[in-house]
C-alpha atoms as a PDB file:
ATOM      1  CA  MET A   1       0.000   0.000   0.000  1.00  0.00           C
ATOM      2  CA  ARG A   2       1.442   3.378  -1.023  1.00  0.00           C
ATOM      3  CA  VAL A   3       0.502   6.949  -0.145  1.00  0.00           C
ATOM      4  CA  ALA A   4       0.098   8.770  -3.461  1.00  0.00           C
ATOM      5  CA  ALA A   5      -0.827  12.193  -2.010  1.00  0.00           C
ATOM      6  CA  ARG A   6      -1.467  13.741   1.379  1.00  0.00           C
ATOM      7  CA  VAL A   7      -3.121  16.829   2.915  1.00  0.00           C
ATOM      8  CA  ALA A   8      -2.463  17.933   6.506  1.00  0.00           C
ATOM      9  CA  GLN A   9      -5.690  19.791   7.314  1.00  0.00           C
ATOM     10  CA  PRO A  10      -8.074  18.093   7.257  1.00  0.00           C
ATOM     11  CA  ALA A  11      -6.029  14.902   7.493  1.00  0.00           C
ATOM     12  CA  MET A  12      -6.443  13.281   4.107  1.00  0.00           C
ATOM     13  CA  ALA A  13      -4.548  10.850   1.881  1.00  0.00           C
ATOM     14  CA  VAL A  14      -4.877   9.117  -1.474  1.00  0.00           C
ATOM     15  CA  LEU A  15      -3.739   5.495  -1.193  1.00  0.00           C
ATOM     16  CA  ASN A  16      -2.820   2.946  -3.850  1.00  0.00           C
ATOM     17  CA  ASP A  17      -3.204  -0.846  -3.674  1.00  0.00           C
ATOM     18  CA  VAL A  18      -5.741  -0.952  -0.830  1.00  0.00           C
ATOM     19  CA  PHE A  19      -7.657  -3.831  -2.475  1.00  0.00           C
ATOM     20  CA  SER A  20      -6.422  -6.249  -5.132  1.00  0.00           C
ATOM     21  CA  ALA A  21      -8.169  -6.569  -8.486  1.00  0.00           C
ATOM     22  CA  GLU A  22      -9.555  -9.945  -7.383  1.00  0.00           C
ATOM     23  CA  GLU A  23     -10.922  -8.468  -4.150  1.00  0.00           C
ATOM     24  CA  CYS A  24     -12.572  -5.624  -6.066  1.00  0.00           C
ATOM     25  CA  GLU A  25     -14.246  -8.078  -8.444  1.00  0.00           C
ATOM     26  CA  ALA A  26     -15.403 -10.272  -5.552  1.00  0.00           C
ATOM     27  CA  LEU A  27     -16.925  -7.301  -3.699  1.00  0.00           C
ATOM     28  CA  ILE A  28     -18.834  -6.221  -6.799  1.00  0.00           C
ATOM     29  CA  ALA A  29     -20.121  -9.763  -7.392  1.00  0.00           C
ATOM     30  CA  LEU A  30     -21.316 -10.112  -3.783  1.00  0.00           C
ATOM     31  CA  ALA A  31     -22.923  -6.667  -3.724  1.00  0.00           C
ATOM     32  CA  ARG A  32     -24.636  -6.659  -7.121  1.00  0.00           C
ATOM     33  CA  PRO A  33     -27.681  -8.839  -6.262  1.00  0.00           C
ATOM     34  CA  ARG A  34     -28.331  -6.828  -3.067  1.00  0.00           C
ATOM     35  CA  LEU A  35     -28.310  -3.327  -4.574  1.00  0.00           C
ATOM     36  CA  ALA A  36     -31.206  -0.953  -3.888  1.00  0.00           C
ATOM     37  CA  PRO A  37     -31.704   2.770  -4.608  1.00  0.00           C
ATOM     38  CA  SER A  38     -29.444   4.797  -2.299  1.00  0.00           C
ATOM     39  CA  THR A  39     -31.077   6.916   0.365  1.00  0.00           C
ATOM     40  CA  THR A  40     -30.072   9.984   2.329  1.00  0.00           C
ATOM     41  CA  VAL A  41     -31.267  10.954   5.807  1.00  0.00           C
ATOM     42  CA  ASP A  42     -33.813  13.761   5.969  1.00  0.00           C
ATOM     43  CA  PRO A  43     -32.157  16.279   8.352  1.00  0.00           C
ATOM     44  CA  GLN A  44     -35.453  17.141  10.045  1.00  0.00           C
ATOM     45  CA  SER A  45     -37.246  13.797  10.341  1.00  0.00           C
ATOM     46  CA  GLY A  46     -34.205  11.509  10.408  1.00  0.00           C
ATOM     47  CA  ARG A  47     -35.927   9.153   7.967  1.00  0.00           C
ATOM     48  CA  ASP A  48     -34.207   7.607   4.967  1.00  0.00           C
ATOM     49  CA  ARG A  49     -35.415   8.951   1.637  1.00  0.00           C
ATOM     50  CA  VAL A  50     -34.591   8.414  -2.015  1.00  0.00           C
ATOM     51  CA  GLY A  51     -33.898  11.739  -3.693  1.00  0.00           C
ATOM     52  CA  GLU A  52     -31.742  13.847  -5.954  1.00  0.00           C
ATOM     53  CA  GLN A  53     -28.932  14.112  -3.382  1.00  0.00           C
ATOM     54  CA  ARG A  54     -27.582  10.706  -4.440  1.00  0.00           C
ATOM     55  CA  SER A  55     -28.514   8.854  -7.645  1.00  0.00           C
ATOM     56  CA  SER A  56     -26.589   5.639  -6.994  1.00  0.00           C
ATOM     57  CA  LEU A  57     -27.587   2.147  -5.929  1.00  0.00           C
ATOM     58  CA  GLY A  58     -26.112   0.698  -2.770  1.00  0.00           C
ATOM     59  CA  MET A  59     -26.031  -1.972  -0.065  1.00  0.00           C
ATOM     60  CA  PHE A  60     -24.375  -2.654   3.294  1.00  0.00           C
ATOM     61  CA  PHE A  61     -22.502  -5.744   4.402  1.00  0.00           C
ATOM     62  CA  ARG A  62     -22.872  -6.634   8.053  1.00  0.00           C
ATOM     63  CA  LEU A  63     -19.659  -6.138  10.011  1.00  0.00           C
ATOM     64  CA  GLN A  64     -17.549  -9.299   9.549  1.00  0.00           C
ATOM     65  CA  GLU A  65     -20.479 -10.884   7.659  1.00  0.00           C
ATOM     66  CA  ASN A  66     -18.316 -13.689   6.286  1.00  0.00           C
ATOM     67  CA  ALA A  67     -14.628 -14.601   6.216  1.00  0.00           C
ATOM     68  CA  PHE A  68     -13.913 -12.495   3.116  1.00  0.00           C
ATOM     69  CA  ILE A  69     -15.624  -9.369   4.490  1.00  0.00           C
ATOM     70  CA  ALA A  70     -14.048  -9.947   7.919  1.00  0.00           C
ATOM     71  CA  GLY A  71     -10.597  -9.899   6.321  1.00  0.00           C
ATOM     72  CA  LEU A  72     -11.340  -6.613   4.559  1.00  0.00           C
ATOM     73  CA  ASP A  73     -12.818  -5.116   7.745  1.00  0.00           C
ATOM     74  CA  GLN A  74      -9.628  -6.037   9.623  1.00  0.00           C
ATOM     75  CA  ARG A  75      -7.324  -4.563   6.964  1.00  0.00           C
ATOM     76  CA  VAL A  76      -9.320  -1.343   6.733  1.00  0.00           C
ATOM     77  CA  SER A  77      -9.451  -0.935  10.528  1.00  0.00           C
ATOM     78  CA  GLU A  78      -5.657  -1.219  10.708  1.00  0.00           C
ATOM     79  CA  LEU A  79      -5.361   1.324   7.915  1.00  0.00           C
ATOM     80  CA  MET A  80      -7.766   3.726   9.658  1.00  0.00           C
ATOM     81  CA  ASN A  81      -6.116   3.065  13.054  1.00  0.00           C
ATOM     82  CA  LEU A  82      -9.321   2.233  14.929  1.00  0.00           C
ATOM     83  CA  PRO A  83     -10.766  -1.086  16.196  1.00  0.00           C
ATOM     84  CA  VAL A  84     -12.857  -3.201  13.829  1.00  0.00           C
ATOM     85  CA  GLU A  85     -15.834  -2.822  16.185  1.00  0.00           C
ATOM     86  CA  ASN A  86     -15.810   0.971  15.676  1.00  0.00           C
ATOM     87  CA  GLY A  87     -16.558   0.529  11.978  1.00  0.00           C
ATOM     88  CA  GLU A  88     -19.953   0.608  10.369  1.00  0.00           C
ATOM     89  CA  GLY A  89     -20.619  -2.209   7.916  1.00  0.00           C
ATOM     90  CA  LEU A  90     -18.837  -1.859   4.584  1.00  0.00           C
ATOM     91  CA  GLN A  91     -21.074  -0.060   2.071  1.00  0.00           C
ATOM     92  CA  VAL A  92     -20.843  -0.713  -1.675  1.00  0.00           C
ATOM     93  CA  LEU A  93     -22.242   1.926  -4.050  1.00  0.00           C
ATOM     94  CA  TYR A  94     -22.860   1.582  -7.786  1.00  0.00           C
ATOM     95  CA  TYR A  95     -23.042   4.678 -10.005  1.00  0.00           C
ATOM     96  CA  PRO A  96     -24.260   4.042 -13.570  1.00  0.00           C
ATOM     97  CA  ALA A  97     -23.577   6.626 -16.280  1.00  0.00           C
ATOM     98  CA  GLY A  98     -25.032   9.984 -15.237  1.00  0.00           C
ATOM     99  CA  ALA A  99     -25.222   9.145 -11.522  1.00  0.00           C
ATOM    100  CA  GLN A 100     -23.578  11.346  -8.888  1.00  0.00           C
ATOM    101  CA  SER A 101     -23.747  12.420  -5.245  1.00  0.00           C
ATOM    102  CA  MET A 102     -24.169  16.075  -4.314  1.00  0.00           C
ATOM    103  CA  PRO A 103     -21.846  17.860  -1.803  1.00  0.00           C
ATOM    104  CA  HIS A 104     -22.337  16.480   1.703  1.00  0.00           C
ATOM    105  CA  PHE A 105     -20.658  15.747   5.036  1.00  0.00           C
ATOM    106  CA  ASP A 106     -20.173  12.252   6.434  1.00  0.00           C
ATOM    107  CA  PHE A 107     -20.396  13.333  10.082  1.00  0.00           C
ATOM    108  CA  LEU A 108     -23.819  13.193  11.736  1.00  0.00           C
ATOM    109  CA  VAL A 109     -25.664  16.417  12.503  1.00  0.00           C
ATOM    110  CA  PRO A 110     -27.845  16.047  15.657  1.00  0.00           C
ATOM    111  CA  SER A 111     -30.822  17.780  13.998  1.00  0.00           C
ATOM    112  CA  ASN A 112     -33.230  14.860  14.414  1.00  0.00           C
ATOM    113  CA  ALA A 113     -34.011  12.088  16.880  1.00  0.00           C
ATOM    114  CA  ALA A 114     -32.501   9.310  14.738  1.00  0.00           C
ATOM    115  CA  ASN A 115     -29.113  11.018  14.473  1.00  0.00           C
ATOM    116  CA  GLN A 116     -29.173  11.978  18.156  1.00  0.00           C
ATOM    117  CA  ALA A 117     -29.833   8.358  19.121  1.00  0.00           C
ATOM    118  CA  SER A 118     -27.060   7.103  16.813  1.00  0.00           C
ATOM    119  CA  LEU A 119     -24.593   9.593  18.312  1.00  0.00           C
ATOM    120  CA  GLU A 120     -25.550   8.468  21.807  1.00  0.00           C
ATOM    121  CA  ARG A 121     -25.041   4.794  20.923  1.00  0.00           C
ATOM    122  CA  SER A 122     -21.785   4.999  18.968  1.00  0.00           C
ATOM    123  CA  GLY A 123     -20.401   8.541  19.078  1.00  0.00           C
ATOM    124  CA  GLN A 124     -19.637  10.670  16.046  1.00  0.00           C
ATOM    125  CA  ARG A 125     -18.247   9.420  12.766  1.00  0.00           C
ATOM    126  CA  VAL A 126     -14.579  10.403  12.736  1.00  0.00           C
ATOM    127  CA  SER A 127     -13.169   9.223   9.392  1.00  0.00           C
ATOM    128  CA  THR A 128     -14.038   7.770   5.995  1.00  0.00           C
ATOM    129  CA  LEU A 129     -12.269   5.495   3.520  1.00  0.00           C
ATOM    130  CA  VAL A 130     -13.691   5.474  -0.022  1.00  0.00           C
ATOM    131  CA  SER A 131     -12.173   2.625  -2.043  1.00  0.00           C
ATOM    132  CA  TYR A 132     -12.569   2.469  -5.805  1.00  0.00           C
ATOM    133  CA  LEU A 133     -13.476  -0.967  -7.161  1.00  0.00           C
ATOM    134  CA  ASN A 134     -13.143  -0.259 -10.895  1.00  0.00           C
ATOM    135  CA  ASP A 135     -11.588   2.138 -13.384  1.00  0.00           C
ATOM    136  CA  VAL A 136     -14.126   4.709 -14.614  1.00  0.00           C
ATOM    137  CA  GLU A 137     -13.914   5.614 -18.296  1.00  0.00           C
ATOM    138  CA  GLU A 138     -14.676   9.295 -17.639  1.00  0.00           C
ATOM    139  CA  GLY A 139     -15.917  11.321 -14.665  1.00  0.00           C
ATOM    140  CA  GLY A 140     -16.858  10.023 -11.220  1.00  0.00           C
ATOM    141  CA  GLU A 141     -14.168  11.946  -9.326  1.00  0.00           C
ATOM    142  CA  THR A 142     -14.462  12.451  -5.567  1.00  0.00           C
ATOM    143  CA  VAL A 143     -14.449  16.239  -5.259  1.00  0.00           C
ATOM    144  CA  PHE A 144     -13.520  18.263  -2.149  1.00  0.00           C
ATOM    145  CA  PRO A 145     -14.729  21.796  -3.050  1.00  0.00           C
ATOM    146  CA  GLU A 146     -13.355  23.473   0.094  1.00  0.00           C
ATOM    147  CA  LEU A 147      -9.881  22.079  -0.573  1.00  0.00           C
ATOM    148  CA  GLY A 148      -9.834  22.371  -4.350  1.00  0.00           C
ATOM    149  CA  TRP A 149      -9.064  18.643  -4.536  1.00  0.00           C
ATOM    150  CA  SER A 150     -10.412  16.069  -6.969  1.00  0.00           C
ATOM    151  CA  VAL A 151      -9.544  12.364  -6.750  1.00  0.00           C
ATOM    152  CA  SER A 152      -9.950  10.225  -9.881  1.00  0.00           C
ATOM    153  CA  PRO A 153     -11.267   6.692  -9.334  1.00  0.00           C
ATOM    154  CA  ARG A 154      -8.700   3.970 -10.005  1.00  0.00           C
ATOM    155  CA  ARG A 155      -9.339   0.321  -9.196  1.00  0.00           C
ATOM    156  CA  GLY A 156      -7.774  -0.701  -5.895  1.00  0.00           C
ATOM    157  CA  SER A 157      -6.979   2.858  -4.770  1.00  0.00           C
ATOM    158  CA  ALA A 158      -8.787   4.845  -2.075  1.00  0.00           C
ATOM    159  CA  VAL A 159      -9.159   8.281  -0.518  1.00  0.00           C
ATOM    160  CA  TYR A 160      -9.046   8.550   3.287  1.00  0.00           C
ATOM    161  CA  PHE A 161     -10.108  11.604   5.278  1.00  0.00           C
ATOM    162  CA  GLU A 162     -10.757  12.596   8.897  1.00  0.00           C
ATOM    163  CA  TYR A 163     -13.251  15.190  10.169  1.00  0.00           C
ATOM    164  CA  CYS A 164     -13.775  14.802  13.941  1.00  0.00           C
ATOM    165  CA  ASN A 165     -11.211  15.416  16.689  1.00  0.00           C
ATOM    166  CA  SER A 166     -11.005  14.003  20.219  1.00  0.00           C
ATOM    167  CA  LEU A 167     -13.264  16.805  21.491  1.00  0.00           C
ATOM    168  CA  GLY A 168     -15.996  15.877  19.025  1.00  0.00           C
ATOM    169  CA  GLN A 169     -15.430  19.000  16.924  1.00  0.00           C
ATOM    170  CA  VAL A 170     -16.151  18.430  13.211  1.00  0.00           C
ATOM    171  CA  ASP A 171     -14.303  19.878  10.213  1.00  0.00           C
ATOM    172  CA  HIS A 172     -16.504  21.420   7.524  1.00  0.00           C
ATOM    173  CA  ALA A 173     -13.571  21.404   5.079  1.00  0.00           C
ATOM    174  CA  SER A 174     -14.384  17.687   4.662  1.00  0.00           C
ATOM    175  CA  LEU A 175     -17.332  18.607   2.412  1.00  0.00           C
ATOM    176  CA  HIS A 176     -17.216  16.272  -0.597  1.00  0.00           C
ATOM    177  CA  ALA A 177     -19.200  15.052  -3.578  1.00  0.00           C
ATOM    178  CA  GLY A 178     -19.163  12.319  -6.192  1.00  0.00           C
ATOM    179  CA  GLY A 179     -18.934  13.908  -9.627  1.00  0.00           C
ATOM    180  CA  PRO A 180     -21.227  12.564 -12.349  1.00  0.00           C
ATOM    181  CA  VAL A 181     -20.098   9.460 -14.190  1.00  0.00           C
ATOM    182  CA  LEU A 182     -19.745  10.670 -17.786  1.00  0.00           C
ATOM    183  CA  ARG A 183     -18.837   7.343 -19.416  1.00  0.00           C
ATOM    184  CA  GLY A 184     -18.880   3.819 -18.039  1.00  0.00           C
ATOM    185  CA  GLU A 185     -19.818   3.068 -14.437  1.00  0.00           C
ATOM    186  CA  LYS A 186     -18.348   3.480 -10.947  1.00  0.00           C
ATOM    187  CA  TRP A 187     -18.209   1.060  -8.022  1.00  0.00           C
ATOM    188  CA  VAL A 188     -16.947   2.144  -4.593  1.00  0.00           C
ATOM    189  CA  ALA A 189     -16.717   0.585  -1.129  1.00  0.00           C
ATOM    190  CA  THR A 190     -17.034   2.990   1.798  1.00  0.00           C
ATOM    191  CA  LYS A 191     -16.099   2.480   5.450  1.00  0.00           C
ATOM    192  CA  TRP A 192     -17.093   4.925   8.208  1.00  0.00           C
ATOM    193  CA  MET A 193     -15.435   4.798  11.619  1.00  0.00           C
ATOM    194  CA  ARG A 194     -17.056   5.915  14.892  1.00  0.00           C
ATOM    195  CA  GLN A 195     -15.635   7.270  18.145  1.00  0.00           C
ATOM    196  CA  ARG A 196     -16.552   4.016  19.896  1.00  0.00           C
ATOM    197  CA  ARG A 197     -18.134   0.627  19.137  1.00  0.00           C
ATOM    198  CA  PHE A 198     -20.761   0.913  16.418  1.00  0.00           C
ATOM    199  CA  VAL A 199     -24.226  -0.175  17.538  1.00  0.00           C
ATOM    200  CA  ALA A 200     -26.866  -0.199  14.818  1.00  0.00           C
ATOM    201  CA  ALA A 201     -30.413   0.972  15.485  1.00  0.00           C
ATOM    202  CA  GLY A 202     -32.458  -1.680  17.232  1.00  0.00           C
ATOM    203  CA  LYS A 203     -29.371  -3.537  18.525  1.00  0.00           C
ATOM    204  CA  PRO A 204     -28.498  -3.781  22.255  1.00  0.00           C
ATOM    205  CA  GLY A 205     -25.705  -1.424  23.317  1.00  0.00           C
END
């Protein structure tokens, strides 16, 4: 694994060789039959909704769902320097031609009961790793408008960024978007890390 580029504030890095070509293909094959339209959380109600904010399809693996996913969860946790149990389940997103995600933050805003409850259970999200599972013919960059950065998707590479410090203060410079896929398609695997053990809604603490 090699660091291709790095930013100090917010802490951010572009990494090569995070997943092998075979691992990327296996993730896509496992995820494909479970894809559903991606949702975003309504900031007022806290309910999931399908909308213009994100036009991809997606699914979540359960944490350590099988031996293959458990191995990836372990590798990613070592890379992100937090325990496996702090990670949310690996999410795979599929962007067909024309699909994109609008500028957004990954940290949770306590503007509704669902987010407040999630923050109480598991703490704030602190970091994200977006891994690219295929080469995109054109478009599909991960764009950081506050930083003037744009990361092109390359199979096996990833972009890592942090946005919450030990005091729970969040960094709005972590604003990011997925540019529209102009030709071809884009597959990504995303891991979010929490301040403490992740407990999903409806699960005992």
